[in-house]
Amino acid sequence: MSTRVEEEYDYLFKVVLIGDSGVGKSNLLSRFTRNEFNLESKSTIGVEFATKSIQAEGKTIKAQIWDTAGQERYRAITSAYYRGAVGALLVYDISKHGTFENVERWLKELRDHAEANIVVMLVGNKSDLKNIRGVETDEAMSFAEQHNLAFIETSALDSTGVDTAFQRILTEIYRLMSRRNMAAEEGVGGVGKGQSIELGEGKKGGKKCC
């Protein structure tokens, strides 16, 4: 019985975390999915993912959030990593301007590998370090507007903005998907309850890459 309850959701969305190594992607993942933060967290080796369900507009949405290392030597996994993703959090560290400068390169990689209609949110993490801020909010907002990205600042350390970031991107994905389904309903019909969205291999498909 408990297994059945655990699996009850209306939609499953795959969201990827991208950005330089050390910007806090793994801690954003653990803060959102387990409400944990590890000050000593090491660089992610390869890929890991975690899931968490949220409520959005009366629907239960299960997020499958993937995290990978930002180092160049893991770039070979990109195709499998991005496959089926409907959302991406593009993360930089507000205290290190270099991580923000690399956002454009990450965005290009995302555009090269991911679906054209993927929802992207720019995330300035480590907002608790504002006393040594290296990236002004206005500069990041301007970049986000220029590239048609959502934008938020977060702190995985003190939880600021983390739930809001994931809630916003998952709700936006749901709204876009709903609009597409409504437009297609006359021809093919919508996506049924409990089905994954653009996750061709189903709930456990992601494990095949690593």
Protein backbone atom coordinates (compact mmCIF):
# COMPACT_ATOMS: atom_id res chain seq x y z
CA MET A 1 0.00 0.00 0.00
CA SER A 2 2.76 2.44 0.92
CA THR A 3 4.48 1.87 -2.44
CA ARG A 4 1.31 2.82 -4.26
CA VAL A 5 0.98 6.07 -2.29
CA GLU A 6 4.63 6.88 -2.96
CA GLU A 7 4.12 6.52 -6.70
CA GLU A 8 0.97 8.60 -6.96
CA TYR A 9 1.66 11.71 -8.98
CA ASP A 10 0.13 13.41 -11.98
CA TYR A 11 3.31 14.32 -13.84
CA LEU A 12 7.02 13.53 -13.71
CA PHE A 13 9.41 16.26 -14.84
CA LYS A 14 13.15 15.89 -15.28
CA VAL A 15 15.12 19.00 -14.25
CA VAL A 16 18.90 19.32 -14.60
CA LEU A 17 21.33 21.43 -12.58
CA ILE A 18 24.17 22.98 -14.56
CA GLY A 19 26.95 25.44 -13.81
CA ASP A 20 30.57 25.51 -12.70
CA SER A 21 31.93 23.15 -10.06
CA GLY A 22 31.64 24.57 -6.55
CA VAL A 23 28.64 26.87 -7.10
CA GLY A 24 26.44 24.76 -4.80
CA LYS A 25 24.42 22.59 -7.20
CA SER A 26 24.59 19.50 -4.97
CA ASN A 27 23.56 21.49 -1.91
CA LEU A 28 20.63 23.04 -3.77
CA LEU A 29 19.54 19.50 -4.62
CA SER A 30 19.94 18.19 -1.06
CA ARG A 31 18.33 21.29 0.50
CA PHE A 32 15.25 21.00 -1.73
CA THR A 33 14.81 17.22 -1.65
CA ARG A 34 16.03 16.37 1.89
CA ASN A 35 16.33 19.75 3.63
CA GLU A 36 20.00 19.04 4.21
CA PHE A 37 23.16 21.09 3.73
CA ASN A 38 26.71 19.77 3.90
CA LEU A 39 29.44 22.37 4.34
CA GLU A 40 32.06 19.74 3.52
CA SER A 41 30.36 18.41 0.38
CA LYS A 42 32.84 17.16 -2.22
CA SER A 43 32.55 17.62 -5.98
CA THR A 44 29.96 15.34 -7.52
CA ILE A 45 31.56 12.50 -9.46
CA GLY A 46 29.51 11.62 -12.52
CA VAL A 47 25.76 12.01 -12.02
CA GLU A 48 23.27 11.68 -9.21
CA PHE A 49 19.60 12.48 -8.99
CA ALA A 50 16.93 12.81 -6.34
CA THR A 51 13.17 13.17 -6.49
CA LYS A 52 10.60 15.24 -4.67
CA SER A 53 6.91 15.90 -5.29
CA ILE A 54 5.26 19.31 -5.07
CA GLN A 55 1.74 20.64 -5.56
CA ALA A 56 1.13 23.05 -8.43
CA GLU A 57 -2.29 24.27 -9.48
CA GLY A 58 -4.02 21.26 -7.95
CA LYS A 59 -1.68 18.69 -9.52
CA THR A 60 1.00 16.54 -7.91
CA ILE A 61 4.24 17.02 -9.80
CA LYS A 62 7.16 14.71 -9.12
CA ALA A 63 10.48 16.34 -9.93
CA GLN A 64 13.44 14.17 -10.87
CA ILE A 65 16.39 16.52 -10.36
CA TRP A 66 19.76 15.62 -11.85
CA ASP A 67 23.08 16.95 -10.66
CA THR A 68 26.44 16.53 -12.38
CA ALA A 69 29.97 17.75 -11.86
CA GLY A 70 30.91 21.03 -13.52
CA GLN A 71 34.40 19.85 -14.44
CA GLU A 72 35.37 19.43 -18.07
CA ARG A 73 36.35 15.77 -17.71
CA TYR A 74 32.72 14.73 -17.25
CA ARG A 75 31.49 16.42 -20.41
CA ALA A 76 31.07 13.07 -22.20
CA ILE A 77 27.83 12.46 -20.29
CA THR A 78 26.11 15.57 -21.60
CA SER A 79 23.83 13.93 -24.14
CA ALA A 80 22.38 11.41 -21.67
CA TYR A 81 22.28 14.05 -18.95
CA TYR A 82 20.16 16.48 -20.95
CA ARG A 83 17.98 13.91 -22.68
CA GLY A 84 14.35 14.27 -21.67
CA ALA A 85 14.96 17.31 -19.46
CA VAL A 86 12.10 19.81 -19.46
CA GLY A 87 13.73 22.27 -17.06
CA ALA A 88 17.21 23.49 -16.09
CA LEU A 89 18.59 25.52 -13.22
CA LEU A 90 21.68 27.37 -14.45
CA VAL A 91 23.63 28.09 -11.26
CA TYR A 92 26.45 30.52 -10.46
CA ASP A 93 28.02 31.72 -7.20
CA ILE A 94 27.19 35.36 -6.41
CA SER A 95 30.58 35.75 -4.68
CA LYS A 96 32.62 34.61 -7.71
CA HIS A 97 32.19 36.63 -10.88
CA GLY A 98 34.03 34.00 -12.93
CA THR A 99 31.21 31.51 -12.36
CA PHE A 100 28.77 34.09 -13.73
CA GLU A 101 30.98 34.76 -16.76
CA ASN A 102 30.77 31.03 -17.59
CA VAL A 103 26.97 31.06 -17.55
CA GLU A 104 26.90 32.00 -21.23
CA ARG A 105 28.98 28.93 -22.14
CA TRP A 106 26.69 26.69 -20.05
CA LEU A 107 23.66 28.21 -21.75
CA LYS A 108 25.16 27.47 -25.17
CA GLU A 109 25.80 23.86 -24.16
CA LEU A 110 22.24 23.59 -22.93
CA ARG A 111 20.88 24.96 -26.19
CA ASP A 112 23.09 22.51 -28.13
CA HIS A 113 22.01 19.40 -26.22
CA ALA A 114 18.57 20.02 -24.72
CA GLU A 115 15.09 20.35 -26.19
CA ALA A 116 14.38 23.75 -27.72
CA ASN A 117 11.44 24.42 -25.39
CA ILE A 118 13.25 23.62 -22.12
CA VAL A 119 12.43 26.05 -19.29
CA VAL A 120 15.61 27.67 -17.92
CA MET A 121 16.06 29.56 -14.66
CA LEU A 122 19.23 31.50 -13.82
CA VAL A 123 20.09 30.95 -10.14
CA GLY A 124 22.51 33.13 -8.19
CA ASN A 125 23.40 30.85 -5.30
CA LYS A 126 25.18 31.65 -1.99
CA SER A 127 23.17 34.83 -1.40
CA ASP A 128 24.27 34.53 2.26
CA LEU A 129 27.70 35.77 1.05
CA LYS A 130 26.42 39.23 0.08
CA ASN A 131 29.20 40.88 2.09
CA ILE A 132 31.65 39.53 -0.52
CA ARG A 133 29.25 39.75 -3.47
CA GLY A 134 31.01 39.63 -6.84
CA VAL A 135 27.92 39.65 -9.10
CA GLU A 136 25.39 42.44 -8.73
CA THR A 137 21.73 41.43 -8.87
CA ASP A 138 21.05 43.98 -11.62
CA GLU A 139 23.79 42.50 -13.82
CA ALA A 140 22.33 39.00 -13.49
CA MET A 141 18.76 40.24 -14.03
CA SER A 142 19.86 42.03 -17.18
CA PHE A 143 21.48 38.82 -18.51
CA ALA A 144 18.35 36.81 -17.66
CA GLU A 145 16.09 39.29 -19.48
CA GLN A 146 18.38 39.34 -22.50
CA HIS A 147 18.25 35.54 -22.79
CA ASN A 148 14.60 35.13 -21.75
CA LEU A 149 15.41 33.26 -18.52
CA ALA A 150 13.65 33.30 -15.18
CA PHE A 151 15.93 34.56 -12.39
CA ILE A 152 16.25 34.12 -8.62
CA GLU A 153 18.92 34.38 -5.94
CA THR A 154 19.14 31.54 -3.42
CA SER A 155 21.12 30.28 -0.46
CA ALA A 156 21.35 26.53 -0.01
CA LEU A 157 23.04 27.29 3.33
CA ASP A 158 20.12 29.13 4.96
CA SER A 159 17.36 27.86 2.58
CA THR A 160 16.53 31.30 1.17
CA GLY A 161 14.72 31.02 -2.18
CA VAL A 162 15.45 27.30 -2.71
CA ASP A 163 11.88 26.00 -2.50
CA THR A 164 10.68 29.06 -4.42
CA ALA A 165 13.12 28.39 -7.26
CA PHE A 166 12.01 24.78 -7.75
CA GLN A 167 8.33 25.60 -7.24
CA ARG A 168 8.50 28.37 -9.85
CA ILE A 169 10.29 26.34 -12.52
CA LEU A 170 8.09 23.24 -12.03
CA THR A 171 4.90 25.33 -12.13
CA GLU A 172 6.09 27.08 -15.30
CA ILE A 173 6.88 23.71 -16.94
CA TYR A 174 3.42 22.46 -15.99
CA ARG A 175 1.72 25.56 -17.43
CA LEU A 176 3.61 25.32 -20.73
CA MET A 177 2.94 21.60 -20.99
CA SER A 178 -0.76 22.14 -20.24
CA ARG A 179 -1.02 24.75 -22.99
CA ARG A 180 0.70 22.43 -25.47
CA ASN A 181 -1.58 19.55 -24.48
CA MET A 182 -4.70 21.68 -24.86
CA ALA A 183 -3.56 22.70 -28.33
CA ALA A 184 -2.87 19.08 -29.29
CA GLU A 185 -5.90 17.52 -27.64
CA GLU A 186 -8.06 17.53 -30.72
CA GLY A 187 -5.46 15.46 -32.58
CA VAL A 188 -3.60 13.17 -30.20
CA GLY A 189 -5.11 13.72 -26.80
CA GLY A 190 -3.32 14.98 -23.70
CA VAL A 191 -0.86 13.32 -21.39
CA GLY A 192 -2.55 10.94 -19.01
CA LYS A 193 -2.36 10.89 -15.24
CA GLY A 194 0.88 9.50 -13.85
CA GLN A 195 2.80 9.65 -17.11
CA SER A 196 6.23 11.12 -17.37
CA ILE A 197 6.80 14.09 -19.63
CA GLU A 198 9.48 13.61 -22.28
CA LEU A 199 11.12 10.95 -20.12
CA GLY A 200 11.16 8.26 -22.73
CA GLU A 201 12.64 5.58 -20.49
CA GLY A 202 10.23 6.12 -17.62
CA LYS A 203 10.93 6.77 -13.98
CA LYS A 204 14.13 4.77 -13.77
CA GLY A 205 15.45 5.67 -17.21
CA GLY A 206 18.04 8.12 -15.90
CA LYS A 207 20.10 5.45 -14.19
CA LYS A 208 21.27 4.01 -17.50
CA CYS A 209 23.78 6.75 -18.23
CA CYS A 210 26.10 6.04 -15.32
